[in-house]
């Protein structure tokens, strides 16, 4: 199984729930566990929020997803000024911003950044998929019934 899709969104927070819906529905329909889906949605939401907040002057950003039998890989790309540095620790409790990268790191297996100052940032998130055995068994049973007909 190989599924790929790409979304081009306005640089506005209104698009983040759409990304969550499309990605979440795709993963759930394949039989990925809810915990794994939640981790991917949290990381993706954080990356999209950063693209919305820091992706100017461009008015759009893009999300690309690739799902196979083992992994989900996401790329969130903006055309902003680019990060100057990746934080190495959580900010203090009084700080309102700056936790997104650390949150993403805590819920995915791999995270990387392709930063081109003045041209944008691509965040790559990758997570090994955990499968819901009950959903998989249901799909196999249904597929066998379809083949028998």
C-alpha atoms as a PDB file:
ATOM      1  CA  UNK A   1       0.000   0.000   0.000  1.00  0.00           C
ATOM      2  CA  UNK A   2       1.328   3.420  -0.927  1.00  0.00           C
ATOM      3  CA  UNK A   3      -0.824   6.488  -0.416  1.00  0.00           C
ATOM      4  CA  UNK A   4       0.330  10.014  -1.117  1.00  0.00           C
ATOM      5  CA  UNK A   5      -1.486  13.294  -1.020  1.00  0.00           C
ATOM      6  CA  UNK A   6      -0.652  16.964  -0.983  1.00  0.00           C
ATOM      7  CA  UNK A   7      -2.597  19.953   0.319  1.00  0.00           C
ATOM      8  CA  UNK A   8      -1.886  23.591  -0.521  1.00  0.00           C
ATOM      9  CA  UNK A   9      -3.414  25.821   2.114  1.00  0.00           C
ATOM     10  CA  UNK A  10      -3.810  29.499   2.843  1.00  0.00           C
ATOM     11  CA  UNK A  11      -1.434  30.717   5.521  1.00  0.00           C
ATOM     12  CA  UNK A  12      -4.306  30.957   7.960  1.00  0.00           C
ATOM     13  CA  UNK A  13      -5.179  28.838  10.999  1.00  0.00           C
ATOM     14  CA  UNK A  14      -8.476  27.852   9.336  1.00  0.00           C
ATOM     15  CA  UNK A  15      -6.617  25.227   7.257  1.00  0.00           C
ATOM     16  CA  UNK A  16      -5.144  23.317  10.214  1.00  0.00           C
ATOM     17  CA  UNK A  17      -8.385  21.454  11.073  1.00  0.00           C
ATOM     18  CA  UNK A  18      -8.678  20.481   7.403  1.00  0.00           C
ATOM     19  CA  UNK A  19      -5.192  18.953   7.453  1.00  0.00           C
ATOM     20  CA  UNK A  20      -6.062  17.103  10.663  1.00  0.00           C
ATOM     21  CA  UNK A  21      -9.304  15.784   9.154  1.00  0.00           C
ATOM     22  CA  UNK A  22      -7.766  14.541   5.903  1.00  0.00           C
ATOM     23  CA  UNK A  23      -4.732  12.941   7.566  1.00  0.00           C
ATOM     24  CA  UNK A  24      -6.706  11.486  10.472  1.00  0.00           C
ATOM     25  CA  UNK A  25      -9.400  10.005   8.225  1.00  0.00           C
ATOM     26  CA  UNK A  26      -6.786   8.451   5.945  1.00  0.00           C
ATOM     27  CA  UNK A  27      -4.864   6.849   8.809  1.00  0.00           C
ATOM     28  CA  UNK A  28      -7.982   5.617  10.611  1.00  0.00           C
ATOM     29  CA  UNK A  29      -9.466   4.117   7.447  1.00  0.00           C
ATOM     30  CA  UNK A  30      -6.264   2.115   6.973  1.00  0.00           C
ATOM     31  CA  UNK A  31      -6.422   0.729  10.514  1.00  0.00           C
ATOM     32  CA  UNK A  32      -3.745   2.758  12.320  1.00  0.00           C
ATOM     33  CA  UNK A  33      -4.197   2.820  16.110  1.00  0.00           C
ATOM     34  CA  UNK A  34      -5.809   5.888  17.618  1.00  0.00           C
ATOM     35  CA  UNK A  35      -2.725   6.614  19.744  1.00  0.00           C
ATOM     36  CA  UNK A  36      -0.500   6.644  16.661  1.00  0.00           C
ATOM     37  CA  UNK A  37      -3.015   8.813  14.766  1.00  0.00           C
ATOM     38  CA  UNK A  38      -3.149  11.262  17.693  1.00  0.00           C
ATOM     39  CA  UNK A  39       0.651  11.556  17.804  1.00  0.00           C
ATOM     40  CA  UNK A  40       0.828  12.295  14.076  1.00  0.00           C
ATOM     41  CA  UNK A  41      -2.010  14.820  14.255  1.00  0.00           C
ATOM     42  CA  UNK A  42      -0.386  16.637  17.177  1.00  0.00           C
ATOM     43  CA  UNK A  43       2.982  16.881  15.422  1.00  0.00           C
ATOM     44  CA  UNK A  44       1.363  17.948  12.143  1.00  0.00           C
ATOM     45  CA  UNK A  45      -0.741  20.598  13.888  1.00  0.00           C
ATOM     46  CA  UNK A  46       2.359  22.051  15.524  1.00  0.00           C
ATOM     47  CA  UNK A  47       4.262  22.134  12.219  1.00  0.00           C
ATOM     48  CA  UNK A  48       1.297  23.730  10.428  1.00  0.00           C
ATOM     49  CA  UNK A  49       0.885  26.309  13.196  1.00  0.00           C
ATOM     50  CA  UNK A  50       4.551  27.246  12.746  1.00  0.00           C
ATOM     51  CA  UNK A  51       4.062  27.557   8.970  1.00  0.00           C
ATOM     52  CA  UNK A  52       1.029  29.793   9.532  1.00  0.00           C
ATOM     53  CA  UNK A  53       2.845  31.919  12.082  1.00  0.00           C
ATOM     54  CA  UNK A  54       6.281  32.149  10.481  1.00  0.00           C
ATOM     55  CA  UNK A  55       5.673  31.348   6.797  1.00  0.00           C
ATOM     56  CA  UNK A  56       5.374  34.920   5.573  1.00  0.00           C
ATOM     57  CA  UNK A  57       5.594  36.759   3.330  1.00  0.00           C
ATOM     58  CA  UNK A  58       4.078  33.913   1.261  1.00  0.00           C
ATOM     59  CA  UNK A  59       0.336  33.523   1.608  1.00  0.00           C
ATOM     60  CA  UNK A  60       0.286  29.695   1.301  1.00  0.00           C
ATOM     61  CA  UNK A  61       1.975  26.630   2.738  1.00  0.00           C
ATOM     62  CA  UNK A  62       1.913  23.002   1.690  1.00  0.00           C
ATOM     63  CA  UNK A  63       1.505  19.655   3.441  1.00  0.00           C
ATOM     64  CA  UNK A  64       2.606  16.435   1.740  1.00  0.00           C
ATOM     65  CA  UNK A  65       1.886  12.993   3.176  1.00  0.00           C
ATOM     66  CA  UNK A  66       3.236   9.579   2.197  1.00  0.00           C
ATOM     67  CA  UNK A  67       1.838   6.507   3.937  1.00  0.00           C
ATOM     68  CA  UNK A  68       3.064   2.968   3.340  1.00  0.00           C
ATOM     69  CA  UNK A  69       2.832  -0.327   5.207  1.00  0.00           C
ATOM     70  CA  UNK A  70       5.315   0.784   7.848  1.00  0.00           C
ATOM     71  CA  UNK A  71       5.556   4.561   8.094  1.00  0.00           C
ATOM     72  CA  UNK A  72       3.863   7.855   7.663  1.00  0.00           C
ATOM     73  CA  UNK A  73       6.083  10.652   6.415  1.00  0.00           C
ATOM     74  CA  UNK A  74       4.898  14.243   6.345  1.00  0.00           C
ATOM     75  CA  UNK A  75       6.460  17.367   4.906  1.00  0.00           C
ATOM     76  CA  UNK A  76       5.182  20.792   5.898  1.00  0.00           C
ATOM     77  CA  UNK A  77       6.670  23.476   3.653  1.00  0.00           C
ATOM     78  CA  UNK A  78       6.461  27.233   3.906  1.00  0.00           C
ATOM     79  CA  UNK A  79       8.129  30.110   2.080  1.00  0.00           C
ATOM     80  CA  UNK A  80       8.983  32.185   5.124  1.00  0.00           C
ATOM     81  CA  UNK A  81      12.269  33.614   6.301  1.00  0.00           C
ATOM     82  CA  UNK A  82      13.423  30.316   7.816  1.00  0.00           C
ATOM     83  CA  UNK A  83      14.353  29.358  11.362  1.00  0.00           C
ATOM     84  CA  UNK A  84      17.530  30.807  12.773  1.00  0.00           C
ATOM     85  CA  UNK A  85      18.140  27.950  15.242  1.00  0.00           C
ATOM     86  CA  UNK A  86      16.487  24.786  16.511  1.00  0.00           C
ATOM     87  CA  UNK A  87      15.790  24.984  20.279  1.00  0.00           C
ATOM     88  CA  UNK A  88      17.539  22.309  22.319  1.00  0.00           C
ATOM     89  CA  UNK A  89      15.359  22.528  25.444  1.00  0.00           C
ATOM     90  CA  UNK A  90      11.873  23.528  26.479  1.00  0.00           C
ATOM     91  CA  UNK A  91      11.429  27.224  27.221  1.00  0.00           C
ATOM     92  CA  UNK A  92      10.608  28.390  30.729  1.00  0.00           C
ATOM     93  CA  UNK A  93       7.056  28.013  32.059  1.00  0.00           C
ATOM     94  CA  UNK A  94       6.344  31.733  31.657  1.00  0.00           C
ATOM     95  CA  UNK A  95       7.052  31.681  27.915  1.00  0.00           C
ATOM     96  CA  UNK A  96       3.945  31.422  25.729  1.00  0.00           C
ATOM     97  CA  UNK A  97       5.700  30.204  22.569  1.00  0.00           C
ATOM     98  CA  UNK A  98       8.566  27.951  21.578  1.00  0.00           C
ATOM     99  CA  UNK A  99       7.346  24.502  22.609  1.00  0.00           C
ATOM    100  CA  UNK A 100       6.181  23.268  19.189  1.00  0.00           C
ATOM    101  CA  UNK A 101       9.442  21.718  18.009  1.00  0.00           C
ATOM    102  CA  UNK A 102       9.976  19.939  21.305  1.00  0.00           C
ATOM    103  CA  UNK A 103       6.393  18.626  21.237  1.00  0.00           C
ATOM    104  CA  UNK A 104       6.897  17.322  17.698  1.00  0.00           C
ATOM    105  CA  UNK A 105      10.149  15.612  18.736  1.00  0.00           C
ATOM    106  CA  UNK A 106       8.371  13.854  21.601  1.00  0.00           C
ATOM    107  CA  UNK A 107       5.655  12.198  19.452  1.00  0.00           C
ATOM    108  CA  UNK A 108       7.365  11.205  16.185  1.00  0.00           C
ATOM    109  CA  UNK A 109      10.292   8.909  15.468  1.00  0.00           C
ATOM    110  CA  UNK A 110      12.188  11.344  13.261  1.00  0.00           C
ATOM    111  CA  UNK A 111      12.065  15.067  12.682  1.00  0.00           C
ATOM    112  CA  UNK A 112      14.291  17.122  10.447  1.00  0.00           C
ATOM    113  CA  UNK A 113      14.385  20.628   9.064  1.00  0.00           C
ATOM    114  CA  UNK A 114      15.481  21.910   5.697  1.00  0.00           C
ATOM    115  CA  UNK A 115      15.976  25.618   6.231  1.00  0.00           C
ATOM    116  CA  UNK A 116      16.839  28.035   3.476  1.00  0.00           C
ATOM    117  CA  UNK A 117      17.085  31.523   4.978  1.00  0.00           C
ATOM    118  CA  UNK A 118      14.849  33.878   3.046  1.00  0.00           C
ATOM    119  CA  UNK A 119      13.231  31.039   1.067  1.00  0.00           C
ATOM    120  CA  UNK A 120      11.427  28.877   3.577  1.00  0.00           C
ATOM    121  CA  UNK A 121      11.439  25.891   5.858  1.00  0.00           C
ATOM    122  CA  UNK A 122      10.473  22.277   5.289  1.00  0.00           C
ATOM    123  CA  UNK A 123       9.685  20.220   8.372  1.00  0.00           C
ATOM    124  CA  UNK A 124       9.870  16.461   7.820  1.00  0.00           C
ATOM    125  CA  UNK A 125       8.053  14.253  10.318  1.00  0.00           C
ATOM    126  CA  UNK A 126       8.249  10.474  10.216  1.00  0.00           C
ATOM    127  CA  UNK A 127       6.607   7.880  12.432  1.00  0.00           C
ATOM    128  CA  UNK A 128       6.398   4.108  12.312  1.00  0.00           C
ATOM    129  CA  UNK A 129       2.752   3.082  12.160  1.00  0.00           C
ATOM    130  CA  UNK A 130       1.043   0.936  14.787  1.00  0.00           C
ATOM    131  CA  UNK A 131      -1.840  -1.113  13.413  1.00  0.00           C
ATOM    132  CA  UNK A 132      -5.180  -1.834  15.094  1.00  0.00           C
ATOM    133  CA  UNK A 133      -5.463  -5.618  14.817  1.00  0.00           C
ATOM    134  CA  UNK A 134      -9.288  -5.566  15.013  1.00  0.00           C
ATOM    135  CA  UNK A 135      -9.557  -3.184  12.055  1.00  0.00           C
ATOM    136  CA  UNK A 136      -7.057  -5.194  10.031  1.00  0.00           C
ATOM    137  CA  UNK A 137      -8.941  -8.445  10.748  1.00  0.00           C
ATOM    138  CA  UNK A 138     -12.207  -6.793   9.647  1.00  0.00           C
ATOM    139  CA  UNK A 139     -10.639  -5.619   6.365  1.00  0.00           C
ATOM    140  CA  UNK A 140      -9.183  -9.076   5.645  1.00  0.00           C
ATOM    141  CA  UNK A 141     -12.532 -10.741   6.330  1.00  0.00           C
ATOM    142  CA  UNK A 142     -14.357  -8.248   4.093  1.00  0.00           C
ATOM    143  CA  UNK A 143     -11.798  -8.645   1.296  1.00  0.00           C
ATOM    144  CA  UNK A 144     -12.160 -12.445   1.429  1.00  0.00           C
ATOM    145  CA  UNK A 145     -15.937 -12.075   1.122  1.00  0.00           C
ATOM    146  CA  UNK A 146     -15.558  -9.799  -1.905  1.00  0.00           C
ATOM    147  CA  UNK A 147     -13.187 -12.247  -3.588  1.00  0.00           C
ATOM    148  CA  UNK A 148     -15.563 -15.170  -2.942  1.00  0.00           C
ATOM    149  CA  UNK A 149     -18.433 -13.376  -4.683  1.00  0.00           C
END
